[in-house]
N, C-alpha and C. Protein backbone atom coordinates (compact mmCIF):
# COMPACT_ATOMS: atom_id res chain seq x y z
N PRO A 1 0.75 -1.21 0.04
CA PRO A 1 -0.08 -0.02 -0.04
C PRO A 1 0.82 1.25 -0.02
N VAL A 2 2.00 1.35 0.68
CA VAL A 2 2.87 2.46 0.73
C VAL A 2 3.41 2.69 -0.61
N ALA A 3 3.82 1.70 -1.33
CA ALA A 3 4.43 1.77 -2.68
C ALA A 3 3.23 2.23 -3.55
N ALA A 4 2.16 1.68 -3.39
CA ALA A 4 0.99 1.99 -4.26
C ALA A 4 0.56 3.43 -4.11
N GLN A 5 0.49 3.89 -2.85
CA GLN A 5 0.17 5.19 -2.56
C GLN A 5 1.23 6.20 -3.10
N ALA A 6 2.42 5.84 -3.03
CA ALA A 6 3.53 6.70 -3.65
C ALA A 6 3.31 6.80 -5.13
N ALA A 7 3.02 5.65 -5.72
CA ALA A 7 2.97 5.64 -7.18
C ALA A 7 1.66 6.36 -7.57
N LEU A 8 0.59 6.25 -6.80
CA LEU A 8 -0.54 7.12 -7.01
C LEU A 8 -0.44 8.54 -6.96
N LYS A 9 0.38 9.00 -5.95
CA LYS A 9 0.70 10.41 -5.70
C LYS A 9 1.55 10.93 -6.83
N LYS A 10 2.43 10.09 -7.32
CA LYS A 10 3.29 10.38 -8.46
C LYS A 10 2.45 10.55 -9.64
N ILE A 11 1.56 9.57 -9.95
CA ILE A 11 0.67 9.86 -11.05
C ILE A 11 -0.24 10.93 -11.02
N GLU A 12 -0.81 11.22 -9.72
CA GLU A 12 -1.68 12.47 -9.58
C GLU A 12 -0.84 13.68 -9.82
N ALA A 13 0.51 13.74 -9.39
CA ALA A 13 1.14 14.97 -9.54
C ALA A 13 1.57 15.12 -11.01
N THR A 14 1.90 13.97 -11.71
CA THR A 14 2.12 14.07 -13.19
C THR A 14 0.83 14.54 -13.97
N ALA A 15 -0.29 14.07 -13.46
CA ALA A 15 -1.54 14.40 -14.13
C ALA A 15 -1.84 15.92 -13.92
N THR A 16 -1.71 16.32 -12.62
CA THR A 16 -1.76 17.68 -12.34
C THR A 16 -0.86 18.56 -13.22
N GLY A 17 0.36 18.14 -13.30
CA GLY A 17 1.31 18.89 -14.16
C GLY A 17 0.96 18.96 -15.57
N LEU A 18 0.43 17.85 -16.06
CA LEU A 18 -0.05 17.79 -17.42
C LEU A 18 -1.27 18.65 -17.67
N HIS A 19 -2.18 18.55 -16.71
CA HIS A 19 -3.41 19.42 -16.78
C HIS A 19 -3.09 20.92 -16.89
N ARG A 20 -2.06 21.32 -16.04
CA ARG A 20 -1.59 22.69 -16.03
C ARG A 20 -0.97 23.02 -17.30
N THR A 21 -0.12 22.12 -17.85
CA THR A 21 0.49 22.38 -19.19
C THR A 21 -0.54 22.54 -20.31
N VAL A 22 -1.59 21.61 -20.31
CA VAL A 22 -2.45 21.60 -21.26
C VAL A 22 -3.39 22.89 -21.09
N THR A 23 -3.71 23.23 -19.94
CA THR A 23 -4.46 24.52 -19.65
C THR A 23 -3.63 25.67 -20.21
N ALA A 24 -2.27 25.79 -19.87
CA ALA A 24 -1.45 26.86 -20.29
C ALA A 24 -1.43 26.97 -21.78
N MET A 25 -1.30 25.75 -22.39
CA MET A 25 -1.20 25.77 -23.88
C MET A 25 -2.54 26.26 -24.51
N ALA A 26 -3.65 25.79 -23.94
CA ALA A 26 -4.99 26.24 -24.45
C ALA A 26 -5.09 27.76 -24.30
N ASP A 27 -4.64 28.29 -23.16
CA ASP A 27 -4.59 29.72 -22.92
C ASP A 27 -3.83 30.39 -23.89
N GLU A 28 -2.62 29.82 -24.20
CA GLU A 28 -1.72 30.47 -25.20
C GLU A 28 -2.30 30.39 -26.66
N ARG A 29 -2.97 29.25 -26.89
CA ARG A 29 -3.62 29.10 -28.21
C ARG A 29 -4.68 30.10 -28.37
N ASP A 30 -5.50 30.31 -27.25
CA ASP A 30 -6.55 31.28 -27.25
C ASP A 30 -6.07 32.61 -27.54
N HIS A 31 -4.95 32.99 -26.68
CA HIS A 31 -4.30 34.25 -26.90
C HIS A 31 -3.74 34.47 -28.36
N PHE A 32 -3.06 33.49 -29.00
CA PHE A 32 -2.62 33.59 -30.39
C PHE A 32 -3.81 33.77 -31.31
N LYS A 33 -4.89 33.08 -31.00
CA LYS A 33 -6.06 33.11 -31.85
C LYS A 33 -6.56 34.61 -31.77
N TYR A 34 -6.69 35.10 -30.61
CA TYR A 34 -7.18 36.52 -30.51
C TYR A 34 -6.33 37.50 -31.18
N VAL A 35 -5.03 37.32 -31.01
CA VAL A 35 -3.97 38.13 -31.65
C VAL A 35 -4.16 38.11 -33.26
N SER A 36 -4.20 36.83 -33.64
CA SER A 36 -4.45 36.57 -35.09
C SER A 36 -5.69 37.28 -35.66
N GLU A 37 -6.68 37.08 -34.98
CA GLU A 37 -8.03 37.79 -35.34
C GLU A 37 -7.85 39.29 -35.33
N GLU A 38 -7.37 39.69 -34.28
CA GLU A 38 -7.17 41.18 -34.11
C GLU A 38 -6.26 41.67 -35.36
N LEU A 39 -5.18 41.03 -35.57
CA LEU A 39 -4.25 41.50 -36.69
C LEU A 39 -5.06 41.42 -38.04
N GLU A 40 -5.78 40.32 -38.14
CA GLU A 40 -6.59 40.22 -39.37
C GLU A 40 -7.53 41.44 -39.55
N ARG A 41 -8.31 41.72 -38.44
CA ARG A 41 -9.19 42.89 -38.40
C ARG A 41 -8.63 44.22 -38.64
N ARG A 42 -7.34 44.35 -38.23
CA ARG A 42 -6.70 45.63 -38.50
C ARG A 42 -6.12 45.72 -39.88
N LEU A 43 -5.68 44.55 -40.40
CA LEU A 43 -5.15 44.44 -41.77
C LEU A 43 -6.38 44.72 -42.63
N LEU A 44 -7.52 44.11 -42.53
CA LEU A 44 -8.68 44.40 -43.37
C LEU A 44 -9.13 45.86 -43.32
N GLY A 45 -9.01 46.40 -42.05
CA GLY A 45 -9.44 47.90 -42.01
C GLY A 45 -8.34 48.69 -42.60
N ASN A 46 -7.16 48.36 -42.61
CA ASN A 46 -6.09 49.07 -43.27
C ASN A 46 -6.14 48.91 -44.78
N MET A 47 -6.54 47.70 -45.23
CA MET A 47 -6.74 47.55 -46.74
C MET A 47 -7.92 48.34 -47.14
N ARG A 48 -8.98 48.44 -46.45
CA ARG A 48 -10.16 49.14 -46.85
C ARG A 48 -9.87 50.64 -46.90
N SER A 49 -9.08 51.06 -45.92
CA SER A 49 -8.66 52.50 -45.83
C SER A 49 -7.73 52.90 -47.01
N LYS A 50 -6.82 52.00 -47.32
CA LYS A 50 -5.89 52.26 -48.46
C LYS A 50 -6.74 52.14 -49.77
N GLN A 51 -7.63 51.24 -49.91
CA GLN A 51 -8.56 51.20 -51.00
C GLN A 51 -9.28 52.48 -51.19
N SER A 52 -9.92 52.96 -50.16
CA SER A 52 -10.58 54.19 -50.18
C SER A 52 -9.76 55.37 -50.65
N GLN A 53 -8.48 55.40 -50.09
CA GLN A 53 -7.51 56.48 -50.49
C GLN A 53 -7.18 56.29 -51.98
N ILE A 54 -6.98 55.12 -52.38
CA ILE A 54 -6.71 54.84 -53.82
C ILE A 54 -7.87 55.35 -54.77
N GLU A 55 -9.03 55.02 -54.32
CA GLU A 55 -10.21 55.42 -55.14
C GLU A 55 -10.34 56.99 -55.06
N ALA A 56 -10.13 57.53 -53.93
CA ALA A 56 -10.15 59.04 -53.90
C ALA A 56 -9.09 59.63 -54.75
N LEU A 57 -7.88 59.08 -54.73
CA LEU A 57 -6.74 59.70 -55.57
C LEU A 57 -7.14 59.45 -56.99
N THR A 58 -7.64 58.21 -57.42
CA THR A 58 -8.05 57.99 -58.79
C THR A 58 -9.08 58.88 -59.27
N MET A 59 -10.10 59.29 -58.39
CA MET A 59 -10.99 60.30 -58.77
C MET A 59 -10.47 61.65 -58.92
N ARG A 60 -9.46 62.01 -58.02
CA ARG A 60 -8.78 63.31 -58.14
C ARG A 60 -7.93 63.33 -59.40
N VAL A 61 -7.28 62.34 -59.69
CA VAL A 61 -6.48 62.30 -61.03
C VAL A 61 -7.35 62.38 -62.23
N LYS A 62 -8.48 61.60 -62.13
CA LYS A 62 -9.34 61.78 -63.33
C LYS A 62 -9.89 63.19 -63.49
N HIS A 63 -10.31 63.82 -62.37
CA HIS A 63 -10.86 65.12 -62.40
C HIS A 63 -9.81 66.09 -62.87
N ASP A 64 -8.57 66.02 -62.35
CA ASP A 64 -7.45 66.83 -62.75
C ASP A 64 -7.10 66.62 -64.17
N ARG A 65 -7.11 65.37 -64.75
CA ARG A 65 -6.91 65.07 -66.11
C ARG A 65 -7.98 65.71 -66.96
N ASP A 66 -9.15 65.63 -66.59
CA ASP A 66 -10.36 66.09 -67.31
C ASP A 66 -10.22 67.71 -67.44
N ALA A 67 -9.87 68.23 -66.28
CA ALA A 67 -9.69 69.76 -66.20
C ALA A 67 -8.52 70.06 -67.16
N LEU A 68 -7.41 69.51 -67.10
CA LEU A 68 -6.36 69.70 -68.01
C LEU A 68 -6.76 69.55 -69.53
N LEU A 69 -7.42 68.59 -69.82
CA LEU A 69 -7.82 68.25 -71.20
C LEU A 69 -8.71 69.47 -71.68
N SER A 70 -9.61 69.83 -70.77
CA SER A 70 -10.49 70.96 -71.05
C SER A 70 -9.78 72.31 -71.30
N THR A 71 -8.75 72.50 -70.43
CA THR A 71 -7.95 73.76 -70.55
C THR A 71 -7.14 73.61 -71.90
N LEU A 72 -6.55 72.40 -72.12
CA LEU A 72 -5.71 72.29 -73.41
C LEU A 72 -6.71 72.61 -74.67
N ASN A 73 -7.94 72.01 -74.63
CA ASN A 73 -8.83 72.18 -75.73
C ASN A 73 -9.23 73.74 -75.78
N SER A 74 -9.38 74.38 -74.70
CA SER A 74 -9.56 75.90 -74.75
C SER A 74 -8.52 76.66 -75.37
N LEU A 75 -7.37 76.23 -74.88
CA LEU A 75 -6.11 76.86 -75.44
C LEU A 75 -5.80 76.65 -76.96
N ARG A 76 -6.21 75.43 -77.39
CA ARG A 76 -6.23 75.14 -78.85
C ARG A 76 -7.14 76.10 -79.61
N GLU A 77 -8.34 76.12 -79.10
CA GLU A 77 -9.30 76.92 -79.72
C GLU A 77 -8.95 78.39 -79.74
N ARG A 78 -8.46 78.91 -78.67
CA ARG A 78 -7.94 80.26 -78.67
C ARG A 78 -6.77 80.45 -79.52
N ASN A 79 -5.84 79.53 -79.66
CA ASN A 79 -4.77 79.56 -80.59
C ASN A 79 -5.19 79.70 -82.01
N GLU A 80 -6.28 78.88 -82.42
CA GLU A 80 -6.79 78.84 -83.75
C GLU A 80 -7.43 80.28 -84.03
N LEU A 81 -8.14 80.80 -83.09
CA LEU A 81 -8.70 82.10 -83.31
C LEU A 81 -7.52 83.24 -83.45
N LEU A 82 -6.55 83.06 -82.62
CA LEU A 82 -5.41 84.03 -82.77
C LEU A 82 -4.66 83.83 -84.06
N GLU A 83 -4.59 82.61 -84.51
CA GLU A 83 -3.89 82.41 -85.89
C GLU A 83 -4.73 82.99 -87.00
N GLU A 84 -6.12 82.91 -86.93
CA GLU A 84 -6.90 83.47 -87.92
C GLU A 84 -6.80 84.99 -87.87
N GLN A 85 -6.79 85.55 -86.69
CA GLN A 85 -6.72 86.92 -86.49
C GLN A 85 -5.41 87.40 -86.98
N VAL A 86 -4.26 86.77 -86.83
CA VAL A 86 -2.92 87.17 -87.44
C VAL A 86 -2.98 87.13 -88.93
N GLU A 87 -3.63 86.10 -89.46
CA GLU A 87 -3.81 85.98 -90.88
C GLU A 87 -4.58 87.25 -91.51
N ARG A 88 -5.71 87.62 -90.81
CA ARG A 88 -6.49 88.78 -91.25
C ARG A 88 -5.57 90.07 -91.18
N LEU A 89 -4.90 90.14 -90.08
CA LEU A 89 -3.96 91.34 -89.89
C LEU A 89 -2.94 91.39 -90.83
N GLU A 90 -2.30 90.16 -91.21
CA GLU A 90 -1.30 90.19 -92.31
C GLU A 90 -1.91 90.55 -93.63
N ILE A 91 -3.05 90.20 -93.94
CA ILE A 91 -3.78 90.50 -95.15
C ILE A 91 -4.00 92.14 -95.14
N ASP A 92 -4.51 92.63 -94.05
CA ASP A 92 -4.72 94.05 -93.95
C ASP A 92 -3.47 94.68 -94.03
N LEU A 93 -2.29 94.35 -93.43
CA LEU A 93 -1.05 94.90 -93.51
C LEU A 93 -0.69 95.04 -94.99
N ALA A 94 -0.64 93.87 -95.72
CA ALA A 94 -0.25 93.79 -97.10
C ALA A 94 -1.07 94.81 -97.95
N GLY A 95 -2.38 94.91 -97.70
CA GLY A 95 -3.19 95.92 -98.37
C GLY A 95 -2.76 97.35 -98.03
N THR A 96 -2.50 97.49 -96.80
CA THR A 96 -2.04 98.84 -96.46
C THR A 96 -0.65 99.27 -97.09
N ARG A 97 0.28 98.25 -97.12
CA ARG A 97 1.57 98.53 -97.71
C ARG A 97 1.32 98.71 -99.29
N ALA A 98 0.47 98.01 -99.80
CA ALA A 98 0.22 98.25 -101.16
C ALA A 98 -0.38 99.64 -101.53
N ARG A 99 -1.29 100.08 -100.70
CA ARG A 99 -1.89 101.39 -100.87
C ARG A 99 -0.79 102.51 -100.63
N LEU A 100 0.05 102.23 -99.65
CA LEU A 100 1.12 103.27 -99.33
C LEU A 100 2.14 103.28 -100.48
N ASN A 101 2.43 102.11 -101.00
CA ASN A 101 3.39 102.05 -102.07
C ASN A 101 2.77 102.75 -103.37
N GLU A 102 1.51 102.52 -103.62
CA GLU A 102 0.79 103.21 -104.69
C GLU A 102 0.78 104.75 -104.49
N ARG A 103 0.44 105.15 -103.32
CA ARG A 103 0.40 106.53 -103.01
C ARG A 103 1.83 107.12 -103.09
N ASP A 104 2.83 106.35 -102.53
CA ASP A 104 4.12 106.93 -102.65
C ASP A 104 4.66 107.02 -104.14
N ARG A 105 4.24 106.03 -104.94
CA ARG A 105 4.65 105.92 -106.27
C ARG A 105 3.99 107.18 -107.03
N ARG A 106 2.63 107.46 -106.82
CA ARG A 106 2.00 108.51 -107.39
C ARG A 106 2.62 109.92 -107.00
N HIS A 107 3.04 110.01 -105.69
CA HIS A 107 3.60 111.39 -105.28
C HIS A 107 5.01 111.42 -105.99
N TYR A 108 5.72 110.39 -105.99
CA TYR A 108 6.99 110.46 -106.65
C TYR A 108 6.98 110.90 -108.15
N TYR A 109 5.97 110.28 -108.90
CA TYR A 109 5.95 110.66 -110.20
C TYR A 109 5.35 112.26 -110.36
N LYS A 110 4.45 112.52 -109.41
CA LYS A 110 3.97 113.85 -109.32
C LYS A 110 5.04 114.89 -109.12
N ASP A 111 5.86 114.44 -108.17
CA ASP A 111 7.03 115.33 -107.76
C ASP A 111 8.08 115.64 -108.85
N ILE A 112 8.26 114.50 -109.64
CA ILE A 112 9.16 114.70 -110.69
C ILE A 112 8.54 115.08 -112.00
N GLY A 113 7.20 115.32 -111.92
CA GLY A 113 6.60 115.85 -113.03
C GLY A 113 6.12 114.86 -114.09
N GLY A 114 6.08 113.61 -113.67
CA GLY A 114 5.71 112.68 -114.74
C GLY A 114 4.33 112.12 -114.65
N GLY A 115 3.57 112.54 -113.55
CA GLY A 115 2.41 111.86 -113.31
C GLY A 115 1.05 112.38 -113.55
């Protein structure tokens, strides 16, 4: 009986130790599971946040691009109008030069008595 009691106490002590170890491992597993879930939650939140930022930047880039294209088209139209205006002014200038040359030619011949 003494040897049996000693063996029984050793088995009980071993069982208690194993129970504590299993309990500690289960607690650690639960903690890791919580940490893992928390990290996953944060990661998903960050991903959603980054996705929202990307979408906002995409919209801003599209808006800026549209505004730049609009400005470019306006500048092209203005340039065309200015080119047309320059052409008309060049034609007017050529006409004015021709009239002045004709006037100067008439005055010249008039002054020298030929005209």
